[in-house]
Every structure is written in C-alpha cells, then in structure tokens.
Amino acid sequence: MDISMILLAVVAFLVVGSVVTIPQGYIGVVTLFGKYRRIMMPGLNFRLPYIEVIFRKVSIQNQSIEMQFQAITADQANVNFTAMLLFAVLDQREETIKNVAFKFINASSLMQALTRTVEGNVRSFVATKRQSEILMLRKEIVLSVKDHIDELLESWGYHLIDLQMNDINFDDEIVRSMAQVVASQNLRAAAENEGQALLIRKTKEAEAEGAAIRIAAQAEKEASQLRGQGVALFREEVALGMSKAAESAREAGLDAGVILFSMWTDAIKHFAENGQGNLIMLDGSTDGMNRSINQMMAMGQLAQPQPKKNN
C-alpha cells in the first residue's frame, strides 16, 4: 500500500468523522473533552472529528406526560386525579438549550421531578378544601399548579403549555355517600316545592271561595232589592186597583163588601190553580169569609186619611 492510499484513507476517515446530521425538531449540544463547546442546529453540521462530541440531542418539540395520583381533602376523603401535562423547551437560545441539556442527568429524571412537583402542588391545594368543593374547583386547581410550576420550569429551560385535570374521582364509598346526600337534598327540595304548591293551591282556592261568596252576596243583595221593588210595585198596583174598584162601587151604589167578596173568591181560585200540590190552610166557611172580609174592611178604614180636627 502506497503513501497516497494511506493519506486518502486518513482524509476520508477525518471527513466522515467531521460530518454530523441533526434531525429536524432537535438541537445538538456539543462538548469538547467533556466540557460544553457549542450547539448545532438541525441539518448538516461539521465538527472537529473525534474531539467534539454530540453530548445530547435536545428535543424542541412539545412533550406530554400523563399522571395518576391521589390526594386527601381537609375532611379526609381520598380523591383520585388523572392529569395531562404539556410542556416544551422555552426557546432556542444557546443558554436555554445548555440549561436543558445539563440540568438533569437524563429525560426520566426530568419527568420524575416534573411529576412529583405537580402532584405535590395539587395535594397541597386539595388538603385545604372539603370533598364537596373539589369537583367545582377544577379550574382553580389548574391555576394554582400553574402559578407554582411556571417559574420552576423556566429555571429548567422549559415552559408549561397546558395542564388538564381530565378525571377527578372519589373512592366508591364516598361516591355512594355523596349520592345519598344528593338524593336526600333532592327529596327535601321536592317536599318543599310540594308544600309551596299546596299552600299556593289552598290560597287560591280560599281566594276563589271568598270571591264567590262576595259575588253571591252581591247578587243576593241585588235580588232582594229587586224583589222588594217588585213587592212594592205589586202592592201599589193592588192598592190602585182596589181604590178604583171601590170608587166604581160607590158610583154604582154597591157595598164595598161585594168587592172584598170578589177578591176573596179570586184569591181562593188563585190558590187552587197555582198551589202545585202545596198544602195551604184556609178557612173557606161562611164565618171564615166574614172574618176575613171584616178584617180587610178594617184595614181599609185604617188606611184612609183621617179628617183634621179644628181647634
């Protein structure tokens, strides 16, 4: 083998060793004899062969982790959480990438620290709340965790994109007790609603009954007034008729008893035709007729105006 072939082989070996490809979505961290040297961007890069080493390829893509853990409320209830954490490298500045590459010994250590930090913050928040409050505080839990973790993640070279509490569940025994509480509250609300409905119904019935009584009383009042007016008109017409009959009898030279006798017989006829089976006690004898006529004549005399006495 001649010298040229050896030189060619050495050059090829050096060229191959100096070419480095960084995949899209990653940034290469280069060290020289174990000390940080520089970063390489995605694509084709060159290095000092076999002296500069690619220490780590840092992913600048979004990363997610799912967590399942348990917390205890202030009233000693176990709450099971399922959460999803989405995060990424803060930016592509050299200092940030350097921080990401050297803060943790490997990616699993980062995930462990991140998981325990989130769990600790959630447990601290839940420990101050009662079990009945937890389901309504999903948003508050997320905000509390973000407030505590944002600054810590930035010190590691990352930033939090999203944190979601996908499931918040209680132990089966607590779920059953909560269901019983809800059922009892619903029954109480139903009883209160039923009582209110009954009260309203009774009130409306009483108001309707009172209105009906007032209407009936007003109608009876008006009917009584009309009956009184009718009786008064009837009596007025009877008196007028009797006066005319008496006047006609006097002009004809007849006794007033004849008119009274005619009225007596007409009354008996009217009773017989319109009695409708009702029992009417009436003395129809001659003596009874005479007594009735005498009484009617006496009433007529009382009704006549008395002459004034001259002093």
C-alpha atoms as a PDB file:
ATOM      1  CA  MET A   1       0.000   0.000   0.000  1.00  0.00           C
ATOM      2  CA  ASP A   2       1.499   3.325  -1.058  1.00  0.00           C
ATOM      3  CA  ILE A   3       1.507   6.595   0.845  1.00  0.00           C
ATOM      4  CA  SER A   4      -1.214   8.181  -1.296  1.00  0.00           C
ATOM      5  CA  MET A   5      -3.692   5.474  -0.473  1.00  0.00           C
ATOM      6  CA  ILE A   6      -2.942   5.859   3.201  1.00  0.00           C
ATOM      7  CA  LEU A   7      -3.386   9.627   3.034  1.00  0.00           C
ATOM      8  CA  LEU A   8      -6.617   9.192   1.113  1.00  0.00           C
ATOM      9  CA  ALA A   9      -7.924   6.781   3.700  1.00  0.00           C
ATOM     10  CA  VAL A  10      -6.974   9.167   6.516  1.00  0.00           C
ATOM     11  CA  VAL A  11      -8.700  12.090   4.795  1.00  0.00           C
ATOM     12  CA  ALA A  12     -11.825  10.052   4.167  1.00  0.00           C
ATOM     13  CA  PHE A  13     -11.802   8.924   7.783  1.00  0.00           C
ATOM     14  CA  LEU A  14     -11.489  12.524   9.013  1.00  0.00           C
ATOM     15  CA  VAL A  15     -14.188  13.800   6.649  1.00  0.00           C
ATOM     16  CA  VAL A  16     -16.609  11.124   7.743  1.00  0.00           C
ATOM     17  CA  GLY A  17     -15.883  11.851  11.385  1.00  0.00           C
ATOM     18  CA  SER A  18     -16.372  15.577  10.963  1.00  0.00           C
ATOM     19  CA  VAL A  19     -19.840  15.475   9.366  1.00  0.00           C
ATOM     20  CA  VAL A  20     -22.831  15.411  11.744  1.00  0.00           C
ATOM     21  CA  THR A  21     -26.563  15.483  10.905  1.00  0.00           C
ATOM     22  CA  ILE A  22     -29.042  16.878  13.452  1.00  0.00           C
ATOM     23  CA  PRO A  23     -32.671  15.792  12.839  1.00  0.00           C
ATOM     24  CA  GLN A  24     -35.473  18.330  12.499  1.00  0.00           C
ATOM     25  CA  GLY A  25     -37.011  19.156  15.883  1.00  0.00           C
ATOM     26  CA  TYR A  26     -33.744  18.692  17.765  1.00  0.00           C
ATOM     27  CA  ILE A  27     -30.733  20.814  18.678  1.00  0.00           C
ATOM     28  CA  GLY A  28     -27.359  19.172  19.235  1.00  0.00           C
ATOM     29  CA  VAL A  29     -25.254  20.014  22.284  1.00  0.00           C
ATOM     30  CA  VAL A  30     -21.506  19.645  21.580  1.00  0.00           C
ATOM     31  CA  THR A  31     -18.808  19.106  24.201  1.00  0.00           C
ATOM     32  CA  LEU A  32     -15.034  19.190  23.856  1.00  0.00           C
ATOM     33  CA  PHE A  33     -13.166  16.864  26.191  1.00  0.00           C
ATOM     34  CA  GLY A  34     -16.327  16.691  28.335  1.00  0.00           C
ATOM     35  CA  LYS A  35     -16.847  20.473  28.555  1.00  0.00           C
ATOM     36  CA  TYR A  36     -19.646  22.360  26.856  1.00  0.00           C
ATOM     37  CA  ARG A  37     -18.496  23.724  23.489  1.00  0.00           C
ATOM     38  CA  ARG A  38     -21.451  24.884  21.360  1.00  0.00           C
ATOM     39  CA  ILE A  39     -24.850  23.911  19.880  1.00  0.00           C
ATOM     40  CA  MET A  40     -25.740  22.569  16.442  1.00  0.00           C
ATOM     41  CA  MET A  41     -28.962  23.458  14.651  1.00  0.00           C
ATOM     42  CA  PRO A  42     -30.997  20.924  12.615  1.00  0.00           C
ATOM     43  CA  GLY A  43     -29.405  19.822   9.321  1.00  0.00           C
ATOM     44  CA  LEU A  44     -25.822  19.150   8.224  1.00  0.00           C
ATOM     45  CA  ASN A  45     -23.118  20.315  10.648  1.00  0.00           C
ATOM     46  CA  PHE A  46     -19.357  19.927  10.946  1.00  0.00           C
ATOM     47  CA  ARG A  47     -17.202  19.295  13.978  1.00  0.00           C
ATOM     48  CA  LEU A  48     -13.650  18.532  14.906  1.00  0.00           C
ATOM     49  CA  PRO A  49     -13.559  14.828  14.230  1.00  0.00           C
ATOM     50  CA  TYR A  50     -13.378  12.642  17.266  1.00  0.00           C
ATOM     51  CA  ILE A  51     -12.673  15.617  19.521  1.00  0.00           C
ATOM     52  CA  GLU A  52     -16.022  17.397  19.567  1.00  0.00           C
ATOM     53  CA  VAL A  53     -18.711  15.025  20.768  1.00  0.00           C
ATOM     54  CA  ILE A  54     -22.507  15.278  20.471  1.00  0.00           C
ATOM     55  CA  PHE A  55     -23.342  15.145  24.173  1.00  0.00           C
ATOM     56  CA  ARG A  56     -27.136  15.245  23.734  1.00  0.00           C
ATOM     57  CA  LYS A  57     -29.772  15.997  21.136  1.00  0.00           C
ATOM     58  CA  VAL A  58     -32.345  18.214  22.864  1.00  0.00           C
ATOM     59  CA  SER A  59     -35.901  17.952  21.532  1.00  0.00           C
ATOM     60  CA  ILE A  60     -37.600  21.302  20.948  1.00  0.00           C
ATOM     61  CA  GLN A  61     -40.936  19.640  20.189  1.00  0.00           C
ATOM     62  CA  ASN A  62     -43.913  19.620  22.541  1.00  0.00           C
ATOM     63  CA  GLN A  63     -43.783  16.870  25.141  1.00  0.00           C
ATOM     64  CA  SER A  64     -46.616  15.423  27.216  1.00  0.00           C
ATOM     65  CA  ILE A  65     -46.882  13.285  30.283  1.00  0.00           C
ATOM     66  CA  GLU A  66     -49.922  11.674  31.877  1.00  0.00           C
ATOM     67  CA  MET A  67     -50.078  11.436  35.643  1.00  0.00           C
ATOM     68  CA  GLN A  68     -52.297   9.490  38.021  1.00  0.00           C
ATOM     69  CA  PHE A  69     -52.107  10.227  41.716  1.00  0.00           C
ATOM     70  CA  GLN A  70     -54.191  10.559  44.867  1.00  0.00           C
ATOM     71  CA  ALA A  71     -54.826  13.457  47.247  1.00  0.00           C
ATOM     72  CA  ILE A  72     -56.649  13.798  50.576  1.00  0.00           C
ATOM     73  CA  THR A  73     -59.117  16.578  51.335  1.00  0.00           C
ATOM     74  CA  ALA A  74     -59.462  18.512  54.571  1.00  0.00           C
ATOM     75  CA  ASP A  75     -62.257  16.164  55.669  1.00  0.00           C
ATOM     76  CA  GLN A  76     -60.106  13.058  54.986  1.00  0.00           C
ATOM     77  CA  ALA A  77     -61.650  11.990  51.669  1.00  0.00           C
ATOM     78  CA  ASN A  78     -59.457  10.303  49.053  1.00  0.00           C
ATOM     79  CA  VAL A  79     -59.541  11.963  45.613  1.00  0.00           C
ATOM     80  CA  ASN A  80     -58.074  10.250  42.542  1.00  0.00           C
ATOM     81  CA  PHE A  81     -56.679  12.506  39.815  1.00  0.00           C
ATOM     82  CA  THR A  82     -55.761  11.824  36.201  1.00  0.00           C
ATOM     83  CA  ALA A  83     -53.879  14.767  34.704  1.00  0.00           C
ATOM     84  CA  MET A  84     -52.125  15.562  31.420  1.00  0.00           C
ATOM     85  CA  LEU A  85     -49.143  17.933  31.325  1.00  0.00           C
ATOM     86  CA  LEU A  86     -47.980  19.532  28.066  1.00  0.00           C
ATOM     87  CA  PHE A  87     -44.648  21.381  28.010  1.00  0.00           C
ATOM     88  CA  ALA A  88     -41.772  22.312  25.711  1.00  0.00           C
ATOM     89  CA  VAL A  89     -38.321  23.919  25.662  1.00  0.00           C
ATOM     90  CA  LEU A  90     -38.651  27.618  26.453  1.00  0.00           C
ATOM     91  CA  ASP A  91     -36.799  28.847  23.324  1.00  0.00           C
ATOM     92  CA  GLN A  92     -33.828  28.009  21.088  1.00  0.00           C
ATOM     93  CA  ARG A  93     -31.322  30.368  22.664  1.00  0.00           C
ATOM     94  CA  GLU A  94     -27.951  28.809  23.447  1.00  0.00           C
ATOM     95  CA  GLU A  95     -28.243  29.469  27.166  1.00  0.00           C
ATOM     96  CA  THR A  96     -31.673  27.806  27.299  1.00  0.00           C
ATOM     97  CA  ILE A  97     -30.521  24.727  25.379  1.00  0.00           C
ATOM     98  CA  LYS A  98     -27.441  24.478  27.585  1.00  0.00           C
ATOM     99  CA  ASN A  99     -29.662  24.636  30.670  1.00  0.00           C
ATOM    100  CA  VAL A 100     -31.936  21.885  29.336  1.00  0.00           C
ATOM    101  CA  ALA A 101     -29.020  19.639  28.447  1.00  0.00           C
ATOM    102  CA  PHE A 102     -27.218  19.786  31.775  1.00  0.00           C
ATOM    103  CA  LYS A 103     -29.928  20.288  34.462  1.00  0.00           C
ATOM    104  CA  PHE A 104     -30.907  16.616  34.645  1.00  0.00           C
ATOM    105  CA  ILE A 105     -28.858  13.510  34.113  1.00  0.00           C
ATOM    106  CA  ASN A 106     -31.442  12.102  31.715  1.00  0.00           C
ATOM    107  CA  ALA A 107     -35.034  12.591  30.499  1.00  0.00           C
ATOM    108  CA  SER A 108     -36.525  10.176  33.035  1.00  0.00           C
ATOM    109  CA  SER A 109     -35.152  12.280  35.901  1.00  0.00           C
ATOM    110  CA  LEU A 110     -36.818  15.338  34.408  1.00  0.00           C
ATOM    111  CA  MET A 111     -40.160  13.520  34.129  1.00  0.00           C
ATOM    112  CA  GLN A 112     -39.903  12.264  37.684  1.00  0.00           C
ATOM    113  CA  ALA A 113     -39.171  15.728  39.071  1.00  0.00           C
ATOM    114  CA  LEU A 114     -41.942  17.283  36.997  1.00  0.00           C
ATOM    115  CA  THR A 115     -44.482  14.663  38.059  1.00  0.00           C
ATOM    116  CA  ARG A 116     -43.678  14.930  41.740  1.00  0.00           C
ATOM    117  CA  THR A 117     -43.822  18.729  41.600  1.00  0.00           C
ATOM    118  CA  VAL A 118     -47.306  18.720  40.053  1.00  0.00           C
ATOM    119  CA  GLU A 119     -48.563  16.070  42.466  1.00  0.00           C
ATOM    120  CA  GLY A 120     -47.225  17.993  45.457  1.00  0.00           C
ATOM    121  CA  ASN A 121     -48.897  21.222  44.405  1.00  0.00           C
ATOM    122  CA  VAL A 122     -52.234  19.513  43.773  1.00  0.00           C
ATOM    123  CA  ARG A 123     -52.101  17.731  47.125  1.00  0.00           C
ATOM    124  CA  SER A 124     -51.306  20.995  48.933  1.00  0.00           C
ATOM    125  CA  PHE A 125     -54.290  22.697  47.319  1.00  0.00           C
ATOM    126  CA  VAL A 126     -56.714  19.809  47.905  1.00  0.00           C
ATOM    127  CA  ALA A 127     -55.685  19.492  51.555  1.00  0.00           C
ATOM    128  CA  THR A 128     -57.289  22.897  52.240  1.00  0.00           C
ATOM    129  CA  LYS A 129     -60.654  22.021  50.641  1.00  0.00           C
ATOM    130  CA  ARG A 130     -63.575  19.774  51.529  1.00  0.00           C
ATOM    131  CA  GLN A 131     -64.713  16.914  49.318  1.00  0.00           C
ATOM    132  CA  SER A 132     -67.930  18.723  48.371  1.00  0.00           C
ATOM    133  CA  GLU A 133     -65.858  21.589  46.907  1.00  0.00           C
ATOM    134  CA  ILE A 134     -63.339  19.657  44.823  1.00  0.00           C
ATOM    135  CA  LEU A 135     -65.479  18.914  41.759  1.00  0.00           C
ATOM    136  CA  MET A 136     -66.313  22.606  41.388  1.00  0.00           C
ATOM    137  CA  LEU A 137     -62.684  23.729  41.718  1.00  0.00           C
ATOM    138  CA  ARG A 138     -61.138  22.021  38.681  1.00  0.00           C
ATOM    139  CA  LYS A 139     -60.120  25.344  37.117  1.00  0.00           C
ATOM    140  CA  GLU A 140     -58.798  26.712  40.422  1.00  0.00           C
ATOM    141  CA  ILE A 141     -56.630  23.604  40.896  1.00  0.00           C
ATOM    142  CA  VAL A 142     -55.067  24.051  37.454  1.00  0.00           C
ATOM    143  CA  LEU A 143     -54.388  27.746  38.055  1.00  0.00           C
ATOM    144  CA  SER A 144     -52.825  27.037  41.431  1.00  0.00           C
ATOM    145  CA  VAL A 145     -50.459  24.439  39.936  1.00  0.00           C
ATOM    146  CA  LYS A 146     -49.510  26.742  37.067  1.00  0.00           C
ATOM    147  CA  ASP A 147     -48.683  29.569  39.453  1.00  0.00           C
ATOM    148  CA  HIS A 148     -46.259  27.345  41.341  1.00  0.00           C
ATOM    149  CA  ILE A 149     -44.716  25.423  38.451  1.00  0.00           C
ATOM    150  CA  ASP A 150     -44.171  28.102  35.790  1.00  0.00           C
ATOM    151  CA  GLU A 151     -41.152  29.687  37.470  1.00  0.00           C
ATOM    152  CA  LEU A 152     -39.634  26.296  38.309  1.00  0.00           C
ATOM    153  CA  LEU A 153     -39.971  25.049  34.733  1.00  0.00           C
ATOM    154  CA  GLU A 154     -38.333  28.204  33.400  1.00  0.00           C
ATOM    155  CA  SER A 155     -35.348  27.573  35.659  1.00  0.00           C
ATOM    156  CA  TRP A 156     -35.066  24.164  33.978  1.00  0.00           C
ATOM    157  CA  GLY A 157     -35.327  25.691  30.487  1.00  0.00           C
ATOM    158  CA  TYR A 158     -38.960  24.690  29.841  1.00  0.00           C
ATOM    159  CA  HIS A 159     -42.340  26.366  29.861  1.00  0.00           C
ATOM    160  CA  LEU A 160     -45.756  24.947  30.624  1.00  0.00           C
ATOM    161  CA  ILE A 161     -48.144  24.890  27.650  1.00  0.00           C
ATOM    162  CA  ASP A 162     -51.174  23.255  29.221  1.00  0.00           C
ATOM    163  CA  LEU A 163     -52.288  21.336  32.276  1.00  0.00           C
ATOM    164  CA  GLN A 164     -55.573  19.438  32.228  1.00  0.00           C
ATOM    165  CA  MET A 165     -57.316  17.629  35.053  1.00  0.00           C
ATOM    166  CA  ASN A 166     -59.066  15.002  32.957  1.00  0.00           C
ATOM    167  CA  ASP A 167     -60.630  12.932  35.748  1.00  0.00           C
ATOM    168  CA  ILE A 168     -61.384  13.667  39.379  1.00  0.00           C
ATOM    169  CA  ASN A 169     -62.861  10.647  41.148  1.00  0.00           C
ATOM    170  CA  PHE A 170     -63.605   9.655  44.725  1.00  0.00           C
ATOM    171  CA  ASP A 171     -63.487   6.241  46.350  1.00  0.00           C
ATOM    172  CA  ASP A 172     -66.614   4.092  45.841  1.00  0.00           C
ATOM    173  CA  GLU A 173     -67.750   4.507  49.439  1.00  0.00           C
ATOM    174  CA  ILE A 174     -67.504   8.300  49.211  1.00  0.00           C
ATOM    175  CA  VAL A 175     -69.331   8.290  45.869  1.00  0.00           C
ATOM    176  CA  ARG A 176     -72.196   6.324  47.423  1.00  0.00           C
ATOM    177  CA  SER A 177     -72.393   8.659  50.406  1.00  0.00           C
ATOM    178  CA  MET A 178     -72.355  11.713  48.137  1.00  0.00           C
ATOM    179  CA  ALA A 179     -75.141  10.166  46.054  1.00  0.00           C
ATOM    180  CA  GLN A 180     -77.184   9.644  49.224  1.00  0.00           C
ATOM    181  CA  VAL A 181     -76.634  13.265  50.227  1.00  0.00           C
ATOM    182  CA  VAL A 182     -77.729  14.479  46.808  1.00  0.00           C
ATOM    183  CA  ALA A 183     -80.769  12.195  46.883  1.00  0.00           C
ATOM    184  CA  SER A 184     -81.799  13.451  50.333  1.00  0.00           C
ATOM    185  CA  GLN A 185     -81.361  17.064  49.221  1.00  0.00           C
ATOM    186  CA  ASN A 186     -83.496  16.395  46.150  1.00  0.00           C
ATOM    187  CA  LEU A 187     -86.187  14.793  48.305  1.00  0.00           C
ATOM    188  CA  ARG A 188     -86.150  17.760  50.667  1.00  0.00           C
ATOM    189  CA  ALA A 189     -86.370  20.190  47.756  1.00  0.00           C
ATOM    190  CA  ALA A 190     -89.237  18.174  46.281  1.00  0.00           C
ATOM    191  CA  ALA A 191     -91.072  18.210  49.624  1.00  0.00           C
ATOM    192  CA  GLU A 192     -90.565  21.962  49.953  1.00  0.00           C
ATOM    193  CA  ASN A 193     -91.808  22.504  46.403  1.00  0.00           C
ATOM    194  CA  GLU A 194     -94.812  20.295  47.055  1.00  0.00           C
ATOM    195  CA  GLY A 195     -95.582  22.214  50.249  1.00  0.00           C
ATOM    196  CA  GLN A 196     -95.317  25.526  48.431  1.00  0.00           C
ATOM    197  CA  ALA A 197     -97.565  24.228  45.663  1.00  0.00           C
ATOM    198  CA  LEU A 198    -100.135  23.033  48.224  1.00  0.00           C
ATOM    199  CA  LEU A 199    -100.006  26.396  50.013  1.00  0.00           C
ATOM    200  CA  ILE A 200    -100.493  28.256  46.746  1.00  0.00           C
ATOM    201  CA  ARG A 201    -103.353  25.951  45.747  1.00  0.00           C
ATOM    202  CA  LYS A 202    -105.096  26.365  49.105  1.00  0.00           C
ATOM    203  CA  THR A 203    -104.586  30.126  48.993  1.00  0.00           C
ATOM    204  CA  LYS A 204    -106.027  30.346  45.503  1.00  0.00           C
ATOM    205  CA  GLU A 205    -108.977  28.131  46.488  1.00  0.00           C
ATOM    206  CA  ALA A 206    -109.669  30.321  49.518  1.00  0.00           C
ATOM    207  CA  GLU A 207    -109.437  33.453  47.381  1.00  0.00           C
ATOM    208  CA  ALA A 208    -111.768  31.922  44.807  1.00  0.00           C
ATOM    209  CA  GLU A 209    -114.220  30.854  47.514  1.00  0.00           C
ATOM    210  CA  GLY A 210    -114.126  34.334  49.067  1.00  0.00           C
ATOM    211  CA  ALA A 211    -114.693  35.908  45.663  1.00  0.00           C
ATOM    212  CA  ALA A 212    -117.603  33.542  45.022  1.00  0.00           C
ATOM    213  CA  ILE A 213    -119.147  34.398  48.396  1.00  0.00           C
ATOM    214  CA  ARG A 214    -118.788  38.118  47.677  1.00  0.00           C
ATOM    215  CA  ILE A 215    -120.334  37.705  44.239  1.00  0.00           C
ATOM    216  CA  ALA A 216    -123.187  35.586  45.647  1.00  0.00           C
ATOM    217  CA  ALA A 217    -123.795  38.093  48.455  1.00  0.00           C
ATOM    218  CA  GLN A 218    -123.838  40.972  45.987  1.00  0.00           C
ATOM    219  CA  ALA A 219    -126.227  39.048  43.732  1.00  0.00           C
ATOM    220  CA  GLU A 220    -128.473  38.204  46.696  1.00  0.00           C
ATOM    221  CA  LYS A 221    -128.445  41.847  47.743  1.00  0.00           C
ATOM    222  CA  GLU A 222    -129.422  42.992  44.279  1.00  0.00           C
ATOM    223  CA  ALA A 223    -132.071  40.236  44.033  1.00  0.00           C
ATOM    224  CA  SER A 224    -133.530  41.265  47.407  1.00  0.00           C
ATOM    225  CA  GLN A 225    -133.658  44.865  46.283  1.00  0.00           C
ATOM    226  CA  LEU A 226    -135.403  43.833  43.075  1.00  0.00           C
ATOM    227  CA  ARG A 227    -137.845  41.600  44.994  1.00  0.00           C
ATOM    228  CA  GLY A 228    -138.579  44.455  47.380  1.00  0.00           C
ATOM    229  CA  GLN A 229    -139.143  46.807  44.498  1.00  0.00           C
ATOM    230  CA  GLY A 230    -141.402  44.214  42.849  1.00  0.00           C
ATOM    231  CA  VAL A 231    -143.442  43.717  46.009  1.00  0.00           C
ATOM    232  CA  ALA A 232    -143.743  47.468  46.454  1.00  0.00           C
ATOM    233  CA  LEU A 233    -144.917  47.880  42.863  1.00  0.00           C
ATOM    234  CA  PHE A 234    -147.335  44.982  43.295  1.00  0.00           C
ATOM    235  CA  ARG A 235    -148.806  46.487  46.429  1.00  0.00           C
ATOM    236  CA  GLU A 236    -149.031  49.854  44.766  1.00  0.00           C
ATOM    237  CA  GLU A 237    -150.924  48.355  41.820  1.00  0.00           C
ATOM    238  CA  VAL A 238    -153.216  46.380  44.151  1.00  0.00           C
ATOM    239  CA  ALA A 239    -153.965  49.480  46.173  1.00  0.00           C
ATOM    240  CA  LEU A 240    -154.616  51.414  42.981  1.00  0.00           C
ATOM    241  CA  GLY A 241    -156.871  48.676  41.677  1.00  0.00           C
ATOM    242  CA  MET A 242    -158.783  48.433  44.948  1.00  0.00           C
ATOM    243  CA  SER A 243    -159.170  52.205  45.040  1.00  0.00           C
ATOM    244  CA  LYS A 244    -160.595  52.244  41.536  1.00  0.00           C
ATOM    245  CA  ALA A 245    -162.875  49.306  42.293  1.00  0.00           C
ATOM    246  CA  ALA A 246    -164.148  50.960  45.474  1.00  0.00           C
ATOM    247  CA  GLU A 247    -164.745  54.206  43.603  1.00  0.00           C
ATOM    248  CA  SER A 248    -166.659  52.341  40.906  1.00  0.00           C
ATOM    249  CA  ALA A 249    -168.702  50.528  43.550  1.00  0.00           C
ATOM    250  CA  ARG A 250    -169.642  53.764  45.268  1.00  0.00           C
ATOM    251  CA  GLU A 251    -170.673  55.336  41.967  1.00  0.00           C
ATOM    252  CA  ALA A 252    -172.833  52.251  41.232  1.00  0.00           C
ATOM    253  CA  GLY A 253    -174.342  52.334  44.725  1.00  0.00           C
ATOM    254  CA  LEU A 254    -172.805  48.951  45.683  1.00  0.00           C
ATOM    255  CA  ASP A 255    -171.500  47.935  49.070  1.00  0.00           C
ATOM    256  CA  ALA A 256    -167.664  47.639  49.407  1.00  0.00           C
ATOM    257  CA  GLY A 257    -168.174  44.159  50.801  1.00  0.00           C
ATOM    258  CA  VAL A 258    -169.073  42.978  47.297  1.00  0.00           C
ATOM    259  CA  ILE A 259    -165.584  43.957  46.098  1.00  0.00           C
ATOM    260  CA  LEU A 260    -163.974  42.248  49.071  1.00  0.00           C
ATOM    261  CA  PHE A 261    -166.064  39.132  48.418  1.00  0.00           C
ATOM    262  CA  SER A 262    -164.875  39.115  44.795  1.00  0.00           C
ATOM    263  CA  MET A 263    -161.266  39.483  45.933  1.00  0.00           C
ATOM    264  CA  TRP A 264    -161.768  36.640  48.410  1.00  0.00           C
ATOM    265  CA  THR A 265    -163.098  34.306  45.739  1.00  0.00           C
ATOM    266  CA  ASP A 266    -160.347  35.300  43.278  1.00  0.00           C
ATOM    267  CA  ALA A 267    -157.731  34.567  45.935  1.00  0.00           C
ATOM    268  CA  ILE A 268    -159.167  31.127  46.612  1.00  0.00           C
ATOM    269  CA  LYS A 269    -159.223  30.417  42.863  1.00  0.00           C
ATOM    270  CA  HIS A 270    -155.605  31.545  42.517  1.00  0.00           C
ATOM    271  CA  PHE A 271    -154.521  29.317  45.401  1.00  0.00           C
ATOM    272  CA  ALA A 272    -156.258  26.343  43.830  1.00  0.00           C
ATOM    273  CA  GLU A 273    -154.768  26.881  40.378  1.00  0.00           C
ATOM    274  CA  ASN A 274    -151.161  27.688  41.431  1.00  0.00           C
ATOM    275  CA  GLY A 275    -150.689  25.769  44.654  1.00  0.00           C
ATOM    276  CA  GLN A 276    -148.746  22.963  42.854  1.00  0.00           C
ATOM    277  CA  GLY A 277    -149.787  20.431  45.424  1.00  0.00           C
ATOM    278  CA  ASN A 278    -148.683  22.503  48.439  1.00  0.00           C
ATOM    279  CA  LEU A 279    -150.910  22.349  51.498  1.00  0.00           C
ATOM    280  CA  ILE A 280    -152.465  25.755  52.274  1.00  0.00           C
ATOM    281  CA  MET A 281    -154.631  26.023  55.395  1.00  0.00           C
ATOM    282  CA  LEU A 282    -157.550  28.347  54.520  1.00  0.00           C
ATOM    283  CA  ASP A 283    -160.894  28.670  56.287  1.00  0.00           C
ATOM    284  CA  GLY A 284    -163.410  28.558  53.419  1.00  0.00           C
ATOM    285  CA  SER A 285    -166.546  28.614  55.596  1.00  0.00           C
ATOM    286  CA  THR A 286    -169.037  31.483  55.635  1.00  0.00           C
ATOM    287  CA  ASP A 287    -167.839  32.597  59.054  1.00  0.00           C
ATOM    288  CA  GLY A 288    -164.235  32.464  57.929  1.00  0.00           C
ATOM    289  CA  MET A 289    -165.087  34.534  54.867  1.00  0.00           C
ATOM    290  CA  ASN A 290    -166.936  37.086  57.004  1.00  0.00           C
ATOM    291  CA  ARG A 291    -163.999  37.391  59.380  1.00  0.00           C
ATOM    292  CA  SER A 292    -161.555  37.846  56.510  1.00  0.00           C
ATOM    293  CA  ILE A 293    -163.805  40.456  54.840  1.00  0.00           C
ATOM    294  CA  ASN A 294    -164.302  42.362  58.105  1.00  0.00           C
ATOM    295  CA  GLN A 295    -160.518  42.355  58.680  1.00  0.00           C
ATOM    296  CA  MET A 296    -159.860  43.629  55.182  1.00  0.00           C
ATOM    297  CA  MET A 297    -162.502  46.364  55.638  1.00  0.00           C
ATOM    298  CA  ALA A 298    -160.958  47.385  58.925  1.00  0.00           C
ATOM    299  CA  MET A 299    -157.527  47.607  57.294  1.00  0.00           C
ATOM    300  CA  GLY A 300    -159.054  49.724  54.537  1.00  0.00           C
ATOM    301  CA  GLN A 301    -160.558  52.112  57.061  1.00  0.00           C
ATOM    302  CA  LEU A 302    -157.197  52.426  58.816  1.00  0.00           C
ATOM    303  CA  ALA A 303    -155.522  53.199  55.536  1.00  0.00           C
ATOM    304  CA  GLN A 304    -157.967  56.042  54.782  1.00  0.00           C
ATOM    305  CA  PRO A 305    -156.732  59.542  55.804  1.00  0.00           C
ATOM    306  CA  GLN A 306    -158.355  60.903  58.956  1.00  0.00           C
ATOM    307  CA  PRO A 307    -160.027  64.347  58.828  1.00  0.00           C
ATOM    308  CA  LYS A 308    -158.168  67.072  60.673  1.00  0.00           C
ATOM    309  CA  LYS A 309    -159.796  68.369  63.852  1.00  0.00           C
ATOM    310  CA  ASN A 310    -160.374  72.108  64.164  1.00  0.00           C
ATOM    311  CA  ASN A 311    -159.186  73.580  67.415  1.00  0.00           C
END
